[in-house]
Amino acid sequence: MSRDEELERLKAQRMAELQARQQQQGGAEQQRAAAEAEAQKQSLMRRLLTPEARQRLANIKMVRPEFGQQLEAELIQIAQGGRVPLPISDDQLKRLLAGIEGQQKKRDISIRRV
């Protein structure tokens, strides 16, 4: 192998190492940002919900994670809109859940044959 070929190989290897390091740092930054956003959301939930309501939300998230995330987003919108008094009690959360479940049941699909 000539010196030029070896030099090019070393340059390519160094470039690959730098790119890998940058990707790792980018992934770490994304993870940090996601963890920070989750911490902010949990802090907001502590202010929005009573302990009993937070426990109910945690139970819902364990059973149906997507629905729990949707519910958190709706709770934040409701609180920002000032539509309910804060903090939201467990009974109020149950009523909100009943309303959401009722909306989802209305989306039944019916097929008509022609």
PDB file of N, CA and C in Angstrom:
ATOM      1  N   MET A   1       0.853  -1.178   0.000  1.00  0.00           N
ATOM      2  CA  MET A   1       0.000   0.000   0.000  1.00  0.00           C
ATOM      3  C   MET A   1       0.895   1.237   0.000  1.00  0.00           C
ATOM      4  N   SER A   2       0.609   2.173  -0.859  1.00  0.00           N
ATOM      5  CA  SER A   2       1.431   3.372  -0.924  1.00  0.00           C
ATOM      6  C   SER A   2       1.039   4.327   0.191  1.00  0.00           C
ATOM      7  N   ARG A   3       1.862   5.307   0.403  1.00  0.00           N
ATOM      8  CA  ARG A   3       1.625   6.287   1.470  1.00  0.00           C
ATOM      9  C   ARG A   3       0.326   7.051   1.223  1.00  0.00           C
ATOM     10  N   ASP A   4       0.066   7.401  -0.019  1.00  0.00           N
ATOM     11  CA  ASP A   4      -1.155   8.148  -0.346  1.00  0.00           C
ATOM     12  C   ASP A   4      -2.400   7.315  -0.045  1.00  0.00           C
ATOM     13  N   GLU A   5      -2.358   6.056  -0.398  1.00  0.00           N
ATOM     14  CA  GLU A   5      -3.500   5.178  -0.121  1.00  0.00           C
ATOM     15  C   GLU A   5      -3.718   5.024   1.383  1.00  0.00           C
ATOM     16  N   GLU A   6      -2.615   4.884   2.115  1.00  0.00           N
ATOM     17  CA  GLU A   6      -2.723   4.739   3.578  1.00  0.00           C
ATOM     18  C   GLU A   6      -3.254   6.027   4.199  1.00  0.00           C
ATOM     19  N   LEU A   7      -2.788   7.163   3.711  1.00  0.00           N
ATOM     20  CA  LEU A   7      -3.251   8.449   4.206  1.00  0.00           C
ATOM     21  C   LEU A   7      -4.743   8.628   3.943  1.00  0.00           C
ATOM     22  N   GLU A   8      -5.206   8.254   2.760  1.00  0.00           N
ATOM     23  CA  GLU A   8      -6.628   8.347   2.425  1.00  0.00           C
ATOM     24  C   GLU A   8      -7.462   7.426   3.311  1.00  0.00           C
ATOM     25  N   ARG A   9      -6.943   6.223   3.562  1.00  0.00           N
ATOM     26  CA  ARG A   9      -7.651   5.282   4.431  1.00  0.00           C
ATOM     27  C   ARG A   9      -7.772   5.837   5.850  1.00  0.00           C
ATOM     28  N   LEU A  10      -6.693   6.427   6.360  1.00  0.00           N
ATOM     29  CA  LEU A  10      -6.722   7.017   7.707  1.00  0.00           C
ATOM     30  C   LEU A  10      -7.686   8.206   7.773  1.00  0.00           C
ATOM     31  N   LYS A  11      -7.685   9.023   6.712  1.00  0.00           N
ATOM     32  CA  LYS A  11      -8.612  10.162   6.659  1.00  0.00           C
ATOM     33  C   LYS A  11     -10.062   9.674   6.680  1.00  0.00           C
ATOM     34  N   ALA A  12     -10.361   8.639   5.885  1.00  0.00           N
ATOM     35  CA  ALA A  12     -11.728   8.098   5.830  1.00  0.00           C
ATOM     36  C   ALA A  12     -12.130   7.502   7.177  1.00  0.00           C
ATOM     37  N   GLN A  13     -11.179   6.812   7.814  1.00  0.00           N
ATOM     38  CA  GLN A  13     -11.473   6.226   9.125  1.00  0.00           C
ATOM     39  C   GLN A  13     -11.735   7.321  10.151  1.00  0.00           C
ATOM     40  N   ARG A  14     -10.932   8.353  10.138  1.00  0.00           N
ATOM     41  CA  ARG A  14     -11.107   9.470  11.082  1.00  0.00           C
ATOM     42  C   ARG A  14     -12.452  10.172  10.830  1.00  0.00           C
ATOM     43  N   MET A  15     -12.798  10.358   9.581  1.00  0.00           N
ATOM     44  CA  MET A  15     -14.067  11.010   9.236  1.00  0.00           C
ATOM     45  C   MET A  15     -15.242  10.171   9.730  1.00  0.00           C
ATOM     46  N   ALA A  16     -15.163   8.853   9.575  1.00  0.00           N
ATOM     47  CA  ALA A  16     -16.228   7.969  10.046  1.00  0.00           C
ATOM     48  C   ALA A  16     -16.356   8.051  11.572  1.00  0.00           C
ATOM     49  N   GLU A  17     -15.221   8.122  12.265  1.00  0.00           N
ATOM     50  CA  GLU A  17     -15.249   8.244  13.730  1.00  0.00           C
ATOM     51  C   GLU A  17     -15.906   9.548  14.157  1.00  0.00           C
ATOM     52  N   LEU A  18     -15.568  10.637  13.480  1.00  0.00           N
ATOM     53  CA  LEU A  18     -16.156  11.943  13.802  1.00  0.00           C
ATOM     54  C   LEU A  18     -17.664  11.947  13.556  1.00  0.00           C
ATOM     55  N   GLN A  19     -18.086  11.356  12.452  1.00  0.00           N
ATOM     56  CA  GLN A  19     -19.511  11.296  12.145  1.00  0.00           C
ATOM     57  C   GLN A  19     -20.246  10.463  13.183  1.00  0.00           C
ATOM     58  N   ALA A  20     -19.670   9.353  13.591  1.00  0.00           N
ATOM     59  CA  ALA A  20     -20.301   8.509  14.606  1.00  0.00           C
ATOM     60  C   ALA A  20     -20.419   9.259  15.922  1.00  0.00           C
ATOM     61  N   ARG A  21     -19.386  10.017  16.284  1.00  0.00           N
ATOM     62  CA  ARG A  21     -19.418  10.791  17.531  1.00  0.00           C
ATOM     63  C   ARG A  21     -20.499  11.869  17.478  1.00  0.00           C
ATOM     64  N   GLN A  22     -20.630  12.534  16.320  1.00  0.00           N
ATOM     65  CA  GLN A  22     -21.654  13.562  16.171  1.00  0.00           C
ATOM     66  C   GLN A  22     -23.052  12.964  16.286  1.00  0.00           C
ATOM     67  N   GLN A  23     -23.253  11.779  15.704  1.00  0.00           N
ATOM     68  CA  GLN A  23     -24.559  11.134  15.799  1.00  0.00           C
ATOM     69  C   GLN A  23     -24.873  10.759  17.234  1.00  0.00           C
ATOM     70  N   GLN A  24     -23.896  10.296  17.973  1.00  0.00           N
ATOM     71  CA  GLN A  24     -24.107   9.943  19.379  1.00  0.00           C
ATOM     72  C   GLN A  24     -24.463  11.180  20.189  1.00  0.00           C
ATOM     73  N   GLN A  25     -23.778  12.289  19.924  1.00  0.00           N
ATOM     74  CA  GLN A  25     -24.071  13.524  20.648  1.00  0.00           C
ATOM     75  C   GLN A  25     -25.458  14.041  20.295  1.00  0.00           C
ATOM     76  N   GLY A  26     -25.842  13.931  19.032  1.00  0.00           N
ATOM     77  CA  GLY A  26     -27.181  14.357  18.615  1.00  0.00           C
ATOM     78  C   GLY A  26     -28.246  13.524  19.288  1.00  0.00           C
ATOM     79  N   GLY A  27     -28.034  12.215  19.378  1.00  0.00           N
ATOM     80  CA  GLY A  27     -28.987  11.331  20.047  1.00  0.00           C
ATOM     81  C   GLY A  27     -29.095  11.650  21.526  1.00  0.00           C
ATOM     82  N   ALA A  28     -27.967  11.970  22.155  1.00  0.00           N
ATOM     83  CA  ALA A  28     -27.979  12.318  23.578  1.00  0.00           C
ATOM     84  C   ALA A  28     -28.750  13.612  23.803  1.00  0.00           C
ATOM     85  N   GLU A  29     -28.570  14.569  22.896  1.00  0.00           N
ATOM     86  CA  GLU A  29     -29.296  15.839  23.022  1.00  0.00           C
ATOM     87  C   GLU A  29     -30.798  15.620  22.861  1.00  0.00           C
ATOM     88  N   GLN A  30     -31.191  14.762  21.922  1.00  0.00           N
ATOM     89  CA  GLN A  30     -32.613  14.472  21.729  1.00  0.00           C
ATOM     90  C   GLN A  30     -33.189  13.783  22.949  1.00  0.00           C
ATOM     91  N   GLN A  31     -32.438  12.846  23.516  1.00  0.00           N
ATOM     92  CA  GLN A  31     -32.909  12.155  24.718  1.00  0.00           C
ATOM     93  C   GLN A  31     -33.048  13.135  25.871  1.00  0.00           C
ATOM     94  N   ARG A  32     -32.091  14.046  26.006  1.00  0.00           N
ATOM     95  CA  ARG A  32     -32.143  15.038  27.080  1.00  0.00           C
ATOM     96  C   ARG A  32     -33.355  15.957  26.901  1.00  0.00           C
ATOM     97  N   ALA A  33     -33.601  16.383  25.661  1.00  0.00           N
ATOM     98  CA  ALA A  33     -34.742  17.260  25.391  1.00  0.00           C
ATOM     99  C   ALA A  33     -36.056  16.526  25.665  1.00  0.00           C
ATOM    100  N   ALA A  34     -36.135  15.251  25.286  1.00  0.00           N
ATOM    101  CA  ALA A  34     -37.346  14.473  25.537  1.00  0.00           C
ATOM    102  C   ALA A  34     -37.566  14.280  27.033  1.00  0.00           C
ATOM    103  N   ALA A  35     -36.495  14.017  27.772  1.00  0.00           N
ATOM    104  CA  ALA A  35     -36.614  13.851  29.227  1.00  0.00           C
ATOM    105  C   ALA A  35     -37.038  15.158  29.884  1.00  0.00           C
ATOM    106  N   GLU A  36     -36.517  16.268  29.397  1.00  0.00           N
ATOM    107  CA  GLU A  36     -36.883  17.572  29.946  1.00  0.00           C
ATOM    108  C   GLU A  36     -38.350  17.889  29.669  1.00  0.00           C
ATOM    109  N   ALA A  37     -38.815  17.591  28.463  1.00  0.00           N
ATOM    110  CA  ALA A  37     -40.222  17.829  28.122  1.00  0.00           C
ATOM    111  C   ALA A  37     -41.126  16.957  28.983  1.00  0.00           C
ATOM    112  N   GLU A  38     -40.742  15.697  29.203  1.00  0.00           N
ATOM    113  CA  GLU A  38     -41.533  14.800  30.045  1.00  0.00           C
ATOM    114  C   GLU A  38     -41.579  15.309  31.481  1.00  0.00           C
ATOM    115  N   ALA A  39     -40.466  15.825  31.986  1.00  0.00           N
ATOM    116  CA  ALA A  39     -40.426  16.371  33.350  1.00  0.00           C
ATOM    117  C   ALA A  39     -41.343  17.584  33.472  1.00  0.00           C
ATOM    118  N   GLN A  40     -41.342  18.437  32.450  1.00  0.00           N
ATOM    119  CA  GLN A  40     -42.232  19.600  32.464  1.00  0.00           C
ATOM    120  C   GLN A  40     -43.691  19.170  32.437  1.00  0.00           C
ATOM    121  N   LYS A  41     -44.005  18.145  31.629  1.00  0.00           N
ATOM    122  CA  LYS A  41     -45.380  17.656  31.546  1.00  0.00           C
ATOM    123  C   LYS A  41     -45.814  17.078  32.893  1.00  0.00           C
ATOM    124  N   GLN A  42     -44.929  16.322  33.541  1.00  0.00           N
ATOM    125  CA  GLN A  42     -45.275  15.738  34.836  1.00  0.00           C
ATOM    126  C   GLN A  42     -45.466  16.828  35.893  1.00  0.00           C
ATOM    127  N   SER A  43     -44.656  17.869  35.847  1.00  0.00           N
ATOM    128  CA  SER A  43     -44.814  18.988  36.772  1.00  0.00           C
ATOM    129  C   SER A  43     -46.165  19.664  36.558  1.00  0.00           C
ATOM    130  N   LEU A  44     -46.542  19.834  35.304  1.00  0.00           N
ATOM    131  CA  LEU A  44     -47.834  20.435  34.986  1.00  0.00           C
ATOM    132  C   LEU A  44     -48.979  19.549  35.465  1.00  0.00           C
ATOM    133  N   MET A  45     -48.847  18.234  35.278  1.00  0.00           N
ATOM    134  CA  MET A  45     -49.885  17.301  35.736  1.00  0.00           C
ATOM    135  C   MET A  45     -50.041  17.358  37.263  1.00  0.00           C
ATOM    136  N   ARG A  46     -48.930  17.570  37.986  1.00  0.00           N
ATOM    137  CA  ARG A  46     -49.020  17.687  39.449  1.00  0.00           C
ATOM    138  C   ARG A  46     -49.825  18.912  39.852  1.00  0.00           C
ATOM    139  N   ARG A  47     -49.731  19.973  39.059  1.00  0.00           N
ATOM    140  CA  ARG A  47     -50.505  21.172  39.358  1.00  0.00           C
ATOM    141  C   ARG A  47     -51.956  21.049  38.903  1.00  0.00           C
ATOM    142  N   LEU A  48     -52.199  20.312  37.809  1.00  0.00           N
ATOM    143  CA  LEU A  48     -53.541  20.208  37.247  1.00  0.00           C
ATOM    144  C   LEU A  48     -54.426  19.206  37.969  1.00  0.00           C
ATOM    145  N   LEU A  49     -53.837  18.123  38.486  1.00  0.00           N
ATOM    146  CA  LEU A  49     -54.626  17.016  39.016  1.00  0.00           C
ATOM    147  C   LEU A  49     -54.380  16.806  40.506  1.00  0.00           C
ATOM    148  N   THR A  50     -55.421  16.348  41.189  1.00  0.00           N
ATOM    149  CA  THR A  50     -55.258  15.929  42.583  1.00  0.00           C
ATOM    150  C   THR A  50     -54.485  14.610  42.587  1.00  0.00           C
ATOM    151  N   PRO A  51     -53.946  14.217  43.739  1.00  0.00           N
ATOM    152  CA  PRO A  51     -53.203  12.937  43.780  1.00  0.00           C
ATOM    153  C   PRO A  51     -54.032  11.739  43.318  1.00  0.00           C
ATOM    154  N   GLU A  52     -55.304  11.698  43.667  1.00  0.00           N
ATOM    155  CA  GLU A  52     -56.162  10.581  43.250  1.00  0.00           C
ATOM    156  C   GLU A  52     -56.338  10.571  41.732  1.00  0.00           C
ATOM    157  N   ALA A  53     -56.516  11.746  41.155  1.00  0.00           N
ATOM    158  CA  ALA A  53     -56.687  11.841  39.705  1.00  0.00           C
ATOM    159  C   ALA A  53     -55.387  11.468  38.990  1.00  0.00           C
ATOM    160  N   ARG A  54     -54.233  11.878  39.561  1.00  0.00           N
ATOM    161  CA  ARG A  54     -52.950  11.495  38.964  1.00  0.00           C
ATOM    162  C   ARG A  54     -52.765   9.984  38.992  1.00  0.00           C
ATOM    163  N   GLN A  55     -53.202   9.352  40.085  1.00  0.00           N
ATOM    164  CA  GLN A  55     -53.094   7.900  40.180  1.00  0.00           C
ATOM    165  C   GLN A  55     -53.972   7.228  39.127  1.00  0.00           C
ATOM    166  N   ARG A  56     -55.176   7.749  38.929  1.00  0.00           N
ATOM    167  CA  ARG A  56     -56.069   7.195  37.908  1.00  0.00           C
ATOM    168  C   ARG A  56     -55.435   7.352  36.521  1.00  0.00           C
ATOM    169  N   LEU A  57     -54.851   8.508  36.256  1.00  0.00           N
ATOM    170  CA  LEU A  57     -54.186   8.740  34.970  1.00  0.00           C
ATOM    171  C   LEU A  57     -53.012   7.772  34.799  1.00  0.00           C
ATOM    172  N   ALA A  58     -52.252   7.547  35.842  1.00  0.00           N
ATOM    173  CA  ALA A  58     -51.130   6.598  35.764  1.00  0.00           C
ATOM    174  C   ALA A  58     -51.635   5.191  35.462  1.00  0.00           C
ATOM    175  N   ASN A  59     -52.750   4.804  36.072  1.00  0.00           N
ATOM    176  CA  ASN A  59     -53.328   3.487  35.809  1.00  0.00           C
ATOM    177  C   ASN A  59     -53.766   3.377  34.341  1.00  0.00           C
ATOM    178  N   ILE A  60     -54.380   4.433  33.850  1.00  0.00           N
ATOM    179  CA  ILE A  60     -54.833   4.442  32.454  1.00  0.00           C
ATOM    180  C   ILE A  60     -53.641   4.323  31.519  1.00  0.00           C
ATOM    181  N   LYS A  61     -52.554   5.048  31.830  1.00  0.00           N
ATOM    182  CA  LYS A  61     -51.371   5.008  30.970  1.00  0.00           C
ATOM    183  C   LYS A  61     -50.718   3.631  30.970  1.00  0.00           C
ATOM    184  N   MET A  62     -50.833   2.900  32.066  1.00  0.00           N
ATOM    185  CA  MET A  62     -50.257   1.558  32.096  1.00  0.00           C
ATOM    186  C   MET A  62     -51.050   0.603  31.205  1.00  0.00           C
ATOM    187  N   VAL A  63     -52.378   0.758  31.224  1.00  0.00           N
ATOM    188  CA  VAL A  63     -53.232  -0.147  30.464  1.00  0.00           C
ATOM    189  C   VAL A  63     -53.301   0.256  28.994  1.00  0.00           C
ATOM    190  N   ARG A  64     -53.486   1.542  28.752  1.00  0.00           N
ATOM    191  CA  ARG A  64     -53.633   2.051  27.374  1.00  0.00           C
ATOM    192  C   ARG A  64     -52.726   3.273  27.201  1.00  0.00           C
ATOM    193  N   PRO A  65     -51.439   3.057  26.904  1.00  0.00           N
ATOM    194  CA  PRO A  65     -50.483   4.173  26.834  1.00  0.00           C
ATOM    195  C   PRO A  65     -50.874   5.282  25.850  1.00  0.00           C
ATOM    196  N   GLU A  66     -51.370   4.914  24.665  1.00  0.00           N
ATOM    197  CA  GLU A  66     -51.725   5.932  23.673  1.00  0.00           C
ATOM    198  C   GLU A  66     -52.898   6.775  24.167  1.00  0.00           C
ATOM    199  N   PHE A  67     -53.880   6.109  24.759  1.00  0.00           N
ATOM    200  CA  PHE A  67     -55.040   6.827  25.278  1.00  0.00           C
ATOM    201  C   PHE A  67     -54.614   7.731  26.433  1.00  0.00           C
ATOM    202  N   GLY A  68     -53.687   7.263  27.268  1.00  0.00           N
ATOM    203  CA  GLY A  68     -53.188   8.076  28.378  1.00  0.00           C
ATOM    204  C   GLY A  68     -52.497   9.328  27.880  1.00  0.00           C
ATOM    205  N   GLN A  69     -51.711   9.208  26.823  1.00  0.00           N
ATOM    206  CA  GLN A  69     -51.035  10.377  26.254  1.00  0.00           C
ATOM    207  C   GLN A  69     -52.059  11.357  25.667  1.00  0.00           C
ATOM    208  N   GLN A  70     -53.071  10.807  24.992  1.00  0.00           N
ATOM    209  CA  GLN A  70     -54.129  11.641  24.426  1.00  0.00           C
ATOM    210  C   GLN A  70     -54.868  12.369  25.554  1.00  0.00           C
ATOM    211  N   LEU A  71     -55.135  11.662  26.629  1.00  0.00           N
ATOM    212  CA  LEU A  71     -55.837  12.248  27.762  1.00  0.00           C
ATOM    213  C   LEU A  71     -55.011  13.364  28.392  1.00  0.00           C
ATOM    214  N   GLU A  72     -53.708  13.161  28.541  1.00  0.00           N
ATOM    215  CA  GLU A  72     -52.846  14.204  29.081  1.00  0.00           C
ATOM    216  C   GLU A  72     -52.911  15.458  28.216  1.00  0.00           C
ATOM    217  N   ALA A  73     -52.850  15.283  26.909  1.00  0.00           N
ATOM    218  CA  ALA A  73     -52.900  16.427  25.994  1.00  0.00           C
ATOM    219  C   ALA A  73     -54.234  17.164  26.135  1.00  0.00           C
ATOM    220  N   GLU A  74     -55.324  16.411  26.248  1.00  0.00           N
ATOM    221  CA  GLU A  74     -56.637  17.046  26.399  1.00  0.00           C
ATOM    222  C   GLU A  74     -56.745  17.767  27.734  1.00  0.00           C
ATOM    223  N   LEU A  75     -56.188  17.185  28.783  1.00  0.00           N
ATOM    224  CA  LEU A  75     -56.218  17.836  30.096  1.00  0.00           C
ATOM    225  C   LEU A  75     -55.457  19.155  30.066  1.00  0.00           C
ATOM    226  N   ILE A  76     -54.334  19.163  29.379  1.00  0.00           N
ATOM    227  CA  ILE A  76     -53.557  20.401  29.266  1.00  0.00           C
ATOM    228  C   ILE A  76     -54.353  21.453  28.507  1.00  0.00           C
ATOM    229  N   GLN A  77     -55.019  21.055  27.420  1.00  0.00           N
ATOM    230  CA  GLN A  77     -55.829  22.005  26.650  1.00  0.00           C
ATOM    231  C   GLN A  77     -56.989  22.530  27.484  1.00  0.00           C
ATOM    232  N   ILE A  78     -57.634  21.642  28.225  1.00  0.00           N
ATOM    233  CA  ILE A  78     -58.765  22.053  29.063  1.00  0.00           C
ATOM    234  C   ILE A  78     -58.307  23.049  30.112  1.00  0.00           C
ATOM    235  N   ALA A  79     -57.180  22.763  30.727  1.00  0.00           N
ATOM    236  CA  ALA A  79     -56.671  23.652  31.776  1.00  0.00           C
ATOM    237  C   ALA A  79     -56.252  25.000  31.205  1.00  0.00           C
ATOM    238  N   GLN A  80     -55.611  24.995  30.049  1.00  0.00           N
ATOM    239  CA  GLN A  80     -55.188  26.251  29.434  1.00  0.00           C
ATOM    240  C   GLN A  80     -56.383  27.078  28.998  1.00  0.00           C
ATOM    241  N   GLY A  81     -57.449  26.403  28.606  1.00  0.00           N
ATOM    242  CA  GLY A  81     -58.660  27.112  28.192  1.00  0.00           C
ATOM    243  C   GLY A  81     -59.483  27.599  29.370  1.00  0.00           C
ATOM    244  N   GLY A  82     -59.151  27.134  30.577  1.00  0.00           N
ATOM    245  CA  GLY A  82     -59.884  27.555  31.763  1.00  0.00           C
ATOM    246  C   GLY A  82     -61.293  27.002  31.814  1.00  0.00           C
ATOM    247  N   ARG A  83     -61.520  25.840  31.204  1.00  0.00           N
ATOM    248  CA  ARG A  83     -62.871  25.279  31.142  1.00  0.00           C
ATOM    249  C   ARG A  83     -63.270  24.544  32.408  1.00  0.00           C
ATOM    250  N   VAL A  84     -62.315  24.193  33.257  1.00  0.00           N
ATOM    251  CA  VAL A  84     -62.627  23.513  34.511  1.00  0.00           C
ATOM    252  C   VAL A  84     -61.803  24.149  35.624  1.00  0.00           C
ATOM    253  N   PRO A  85     -62.323  24.121  36.854  1.00  0.00           N
ATOM    254  CA  PRO A  85     -61.538  24.658  37.972  1.00  0.00           C
ATOM    255  C   PRO A  85     -60.371  23.719  38.289  1.00  0.00           C
ATOM    256  N   LEU A  86     -59.267  24.310  38.700  1.00  0.00           N
ATOM    257  CA  LEU A  86     -58.082  23.521  39.023  1.00  0.00           C
ATOM    258  C   LEU A  86     -57.935  23.391  40.528  1.00  0.00           C
ATOM    259  N   PRO A  87     -57.395  22.351  41.046  1.00  0.00           N
ATOM    260  CA  PRO A  87     -56.973  21.136  40.384  1.00  0.00           C
ATOM    261  C   PRO A  87     -58.169  20.260  40.044  1.00  0.00           C
ATOM    262  N   ILE A  88     -57.995  19.428  39.050  1.00  0.00           N
ATOM    263  CA  ILE A  88     -59.056  18.527  38.603  1.00  0.00           C
ATOM    264  C   ILE A  88     -59.098  17.341  39.554  1.00  0.00           C
ATOM    265  N   SER A  89     -60.272  17.107  40.128  1.00  0.00           N
ATOM    266  CA  SER A  89     -60.425  16.005  41.076  1.00  0.00           C
ATOM    267  C   SER A  89     -60.634  14.686  40.336  1.00  0.00           C
ATOM    268  N   ASP A  90     -60.605  13.604  41.099  1.00  0.00           N
ATOM    269  CA  ASP A  90     -60.814  12.286  40.518  1.00  0.00           C
ATOM    270  C   ASP A  90     -62.216  12.180  39.920  1.00  0.00           C
ATOM    271  N   ASP A  91     -63.217  12.743  40.599  1.00  0.00           N
ATOM    272  CA  ASP A  91     -64.586  12.703  40.069  1.00  0.00           C
ATOM    273  C   ASP A  91     -64.697  13.470  38.748  1.00  0.00           C
ATOM    274  N   GLN A  92     -64.063  14.633  38.683  1.00  0.00           N
ATOM    275  CA  GLN A  92     -64.087  15.399  37.437  1.00  0.00           C
ATOM    276  C   GLN A  92     -63.388  14.629  36.318  1.00  0.00           C
ATOM    277  N   LEU A  93     -62.288  13.965  36.656  1.00  0.00           N
ATOM    278  CA  LEU A  93     -61.570  13.174  35.660  1.00  0.00           C
ATOM    279  C   LEU A  93     -62.431  12.021  35.169  1.00  0.00           C
ATOM    280  N   LYS A  94     -63.181  11.402  36.069  1.00  0.00           N
ATOM    281  CA  LYS A  94     -64.086  10.313  35.670  1.00  0.00           C
ATOM    282  C   LYS A  94     -65.124  10.822  34.684  1.00  0.00           C
ATOM    283  N   ARG A  95     -65.675  12.016  34.952  1.00  0.00           N
ATOM    284  CA  ARG A  95     -66.672  12.589  34.035  1.00  0.00           C
ATOM    285  C   ARG A  95     -66.055  12.905  32.676  1.00  0.00           C
ATOM    286  N   LEU A  96     -64.830  13.443  32.683  1.00  0.00           N
ATOM    287  CA  LEU A  96     -64.145  13.711  31.421  1.00  0.00           C
ATOM    288  C   LEU A  96     -63.904  12.414  30.654  1.00  0.00           C
ATOM    289  N   LEU A  97     -63.505  11.375  31.370  1.00  0.00           N
ATOM    290  CA  LEU A  97     -63.279  10.078  30.732  1.00  0.00           C
ATOM    291  C   LEU A  97     -64.572   9.530  30.136  1.00  0.00           C
ATOM    292  N   ALA A  98     -65.660   9.678  30.863  1.00  0.00           N
ATOM    293  CA  ALA A  98     -66.953   9.198  30.351  1.00  0.00           C
ATOM    294  C   ALA A  98     -67.317   9.951  29.075  1.00  0.00           C
ATOM    295  N   GLY A  99     -67.056  11.244  29.043  1.00  0.00           N
ATOM    296  CA  GLY A  99     -67.335  12.032  27.844  1.00  0.00           C
ATOM    297  C   GLY A  99     -66.472  11.618  26.672  1.00  0.00           C
ATOM    298  N   ILE A 100     -65.206  11.360  26.937  1.00  0.00           N
ATOM    299  CA  ILE A 100     -64.293  10.941  25.873  1.00  0.00           C
ATOM    300  C   ILE A 100     -64.681   9.561  25.359  1.00  0.00           C
ATOM    301  N   GLU A 101     -64.993   8.644  26.264  1.00  0.00           N
ATOM    302  CA  GLU A 101     -65.405   7.298  25.861  1.00  0.00           C
ATOM    303  C   GLU A 101     -66.695   7.365  25.039  1.00  0.00           C
ATOM    304  N   GLY A 102     -67.605   8.259  25.436  1.00  0.00           N
ATOM    305  CA  GLY A 102     -68.848   8.418  24.680  1.00  0.00           C
ATOM    306  C   GLY A 102     -68.592   8.912  23.270  1.00  0.00           C
ATOM    307  N   GLN A 103     -67.626   9.817  23.126  1.00  0.00           N
ATOM    308  CA  GLN A 103     -67.279  10.322  21.795  1.00  0.00           C
ATOM    309  C   GLN A 103     -66.680   9.219  20.941  1.00  0.00           C
ATOM    310  N   GLN A 104     -65.871   8.378  21.541  1.00  0.00           N
ATOM    311  CA  GLN A 104     -65.239   7.311  20.776  1.00  0.00           C
ATOM    312  C   GLN A 104     -66.258   6.268  20.348  1.00  0.00           C
ATOM    313  N   LYS A 105     -67.270   6.024  21.164  1.00  0.00           N
ATOM    314  CA  LYS A 105     -68.285   5.036  20.803  1.00  0.00           C
ATOM    315  C   LYS A 105     -69.154   5.527  19.658  1.00  0.00           C
ATOM    316  N   LYS A 106     -69.267   6.846  19.503  1.00  0.00           N
ATOM    317  CA  LYS A 106     -70.079   7.406  18.424  1.00  0.00           C
ATOM    318  C   LYS A 106     -69.444   7.185  17.058  1.00  0.00           C
ATOM    319  N   ARG A 107     -68.199   6.788  17.033  1.00  0.00           N
ATOM    320  CA  ARG A 107     -67.491   6.628  15.774  1.00  0.00           C
ATOM    321  C   ARG A 107     -67.642   5.221  15.207  1.00  0.00           C
ATOM    322  N   ASP A 108     -68.705   4.549  15.531  1.00  0.00           N
ATOM    323  CA  ASP A 108     -68.934   3.206  15.014  1.00  0.00           C
ATOM    324  C   ASP A 108     -69.099   3.292  13.497  1.00  0.00           C
ATOM    325  N   ILE A 109     -68.582   2.292  12.843  1.00  0.00           N
ATOM    326  CA  ILE A 109     -68.622   2.240  11.389  1.00  0.00           C
ATOM    327  C   ILE A 109     -69.744   1.284  10.980  1.00  0.00           C
ATOM    328  N   SER A 110     -70.561   1.709  10.079  1.00  0.00           N
ATOM    329  CA  SER A 110     -71.588   0.829   9.560  1.00  0.00           C
ATOM    330  C   SER A 110     -71.410   0.701   8.055  1.00  0.00           C
ATOM    331  N   ILE A 111     -71.566  -0.500   7.578  1.00  0.00           N
ATOM    332  CA  ILE A 111     -71.398  -0.766   6.147  1.00  0.00           C
ATOM    333  C   ILE A 111     -72.763  -1.101   5.564  1.00  0.00           C
ATOM    334  N   ARG A 112     -73.095  -0.408   4.502  1.00  0.00           N
ATOM    335  CA  ARG A 112     -74.372  -0.606   3.840  1.00  0.00           C
ATOM    336  C   ARG A 112     -74.147  -1.267   2.505  1.00  0.00           C
ATOM    337  N   ARG A 113     -74.872  -2.305   2.239  1.00  0.00           N
ATOM    338  CA  ARG A 113     -74.784  -2.959   0.933  1.00  0.00           C
ATOM    339  C   ARG A 113     -75.793  -2.349  -0.004  1.00  0.00           C
ATOM    340  N   VAL A 114     -75.407  -2.193  -1.220  1.00  0.00           N
ATOM    341  CA  VAL A 114     -76.285  -1.560  -2.207  1.00  0.00           C
ATOM    342  C   VAL A 114     -76.818  -2.600  -3.154  1.00  0.00           C
TER     343      VAL A 114
END
